[in-house]
Protein backbone atom coordinates (compact mmCIF):
# COMPACT_ATOMS: atom_id res chain seq x y z
CA TYR A 1 16.76 -18.25 35.01
CA ALA A 2 14.83 -20.09 37.48
CA ALA A 3 16.57 -18.15 40.53
CA THR A 4 15.64 -14.79 39.10
CA GLU A 5 13.22 -12.67 41.15
CA VAL A 6 9.93 -11.78 39.42
CA ASN A 7 9.35 -8.02 39.54
CA PRO A 8 5.73 -7.83 40.57
CA SER A 9 5.04 -5.05 37.86
CA TRP A 10 5.91 -7.63 35.12
CA LEU A 11 2.76 -9.48 36.02
CA SER A 12 0.53 -6.41 36.16
CA THR A 13 -2.39 -6.41 33.83
CA GLU A 14 -2.02 -2.84 33.17
CA THR A 15 1.61 -2.41 31.87
CA LEU A 16 1.22 0.05 29.02
CA GLN A 17 1.01 3.84 29.78
CA ARG A 18 -2.25 5.56 28.76
CA VAL A 19 -2.28 9.25 27.41
CA SER A 20 -5.08 11.58 26.31
CA HIS A 21 -5.73 12.01 22.62
CA GLU A 22 -4.95 15.59 23.37
CA ILE A 23 -1.17 14.88 23.62
CA SER A 24 0.72 17.11 21.30
CA PRO A 25 2.51 15.61 18.37
CA HIS A 26 5.72 16.85 19.68
CA ASP A 27 5.24 15.12 23.11
CA PHE A 28 3.96 11.89 21.38
CA LEU A 29 7.00 11.82 19.11
CA GLU A 30 9.43 12.52 22.06
CA ARG A 31 7.99 10.18 24.61
CA PHE A 32 6.80 7.34 22.57
CA GLU A 33 7.65 7.28 18.96
CA GLN A 34 11.48 8.11 19.18
CA ARG A 35 11.77 5.36 21.97
CA SER A 36 9.71 2.75 20.23
CA CYS A 37 7.63 2.75 23.33
CA PRO A 38 4.00 1.33 23.14
CA VAL A 39 1.27 3.49 24.47
CA ILE A 40 -2.54 3.42 24.60
CA VAL A 41 -3.96 6.80 23.28
CA GLU A 42 -7.35 7.28 24.67
CA GLY A 43 -10.33 9.08 23.43
CA CYS A 44 -9.41 9.15 19.76
CA VAL A 45 -12.43 7.55 18.29
CA LYS A 46 -15.32 8.96 20.38
CA HIS A 47 -16.43 11.13 17.75
CA TRP A 48 -16.56 8.25 14.97
CA PRO A 49 -20.06 7.42 13.82
CA ALA A 50 -19.05 3.69 14.14
CA MET A 51 -18.91 4.00 17.80
CA ARG A 52 -22.54 4.31 17.84
CA TRP A 53 -23.30 1.12 15.67
CA SER A 54 -24.92 -1.80 17.16
CA ARG A 55 -26.00 -5.13 15.91
CA GLU A 56 -29.65 -4.01 15.45
CA THR A 57 -28.59 -0.79 13.59
CA LEU A 58 -26.32 -2.73 11.19
CA LEU A 59 -28.87 -5.44 10.60
CA ARG A 60 -31.72 -2.93 9.86
CA ARG A 61 -29.43 -1.16 7.33
CA PHE A 62 -27.32 -4.06 5.84
CA GLY A 63 -28.96 -7.26 7.00
CA ALA A 64 -29.80 -8.53 3.55
CA LEU A 65 -26.29 -7.41 1.99
CA PRO A 66 -23.97 -10.35 1.23
CA PHE A 67 -20.63 -10.11 2.58
CA ALA A 68 -17.64 -12.35 2.06
CA ALA A 69 -17.19 -14.77 5.06
CA GLY A 70 -14.56 -17.53 4.54
CA ALA A 71 -15.22 -18.94 1.05
CA ALA A 72 -18.82 -17.89 0.74
CA ASP A 73 -20.86 -14.90 0.56
CA PHE A 74 -23.29 -14.42 3.46
CA PRO A 75 -26.04 -11.99 4.01
CA LEU A 76 -25.05 -10.08 7.31
CA GLU A 77 -28.23 -11.49 9.10
CA LEU A 78 -27.19 -15.10 8.40
CA TRP A 79 -23.51 -14.28 9.53
CA TYR A 80 -24.76 -12.90 12.96
CA ASP A 81 -26.90 -16.11 13.43
CA TYR A 82 -23.67 -18.07 12.83
CA ALA A 83 -21.43 -15.89 15.05
CA GLN A 84 -23.85 -16.11 17.95
CA SER A 85 -23.78 -19.78 18.06
CA ASN A 86 -20.22 -20.38 16.84
CA THR A 87 -17.86 -22.78 18.48
CA ASP A 88 -15.50 -23.36 15.54
CA ASP A 89 -11.57 -23.26 16.35
CA VAL A 90 -11.21 -21.01 13.23
CA PRO A 91 -14.36 -18.90 12.99
CA MET A 92 -15.27 -16.95 9.82
CA PHE A 93 -14.91 -13.24 9.70
CA ILE A 94 -16.67 -10.98 7.37
CA PHE A 95 -15.23 -8.72 4.73
CA ASP A 96 -16.76 -6.45 2.23
CA LYS A 97 -14.86 -6.93 -0.93
CA TYR A 98 -16.69 -3.89 -2.32
CA PHE A 99 -15.84 -1.48 0.39
CA ALA A 100 -13.80 0.79 -1.61
CA SER A 101 -16.39 1.15 -4.41
CA ARG A 102 -19.28 1.98 -2.10
């Protein structure tokens, strides 16, 4: 309704609660899961090797490998060139259809 007052917190850019990845399963279930309450769990992936990947390391290791991008297979190097200058409304994303077998 147009006459309803707007609570300033509704317009806040930070509306989700954040918790550490060290939250216990019991606390997580009680505070978020059982209440169907969204939450951002911070620090979960710091130890993942993928967090250290960069464009340069991926190109060095996989630059010549073809990946499915849209209806075609592109080497990763060519896809990065496309992505850097892309202005398409619906850009192509890469997929590795052989991921499970590698």
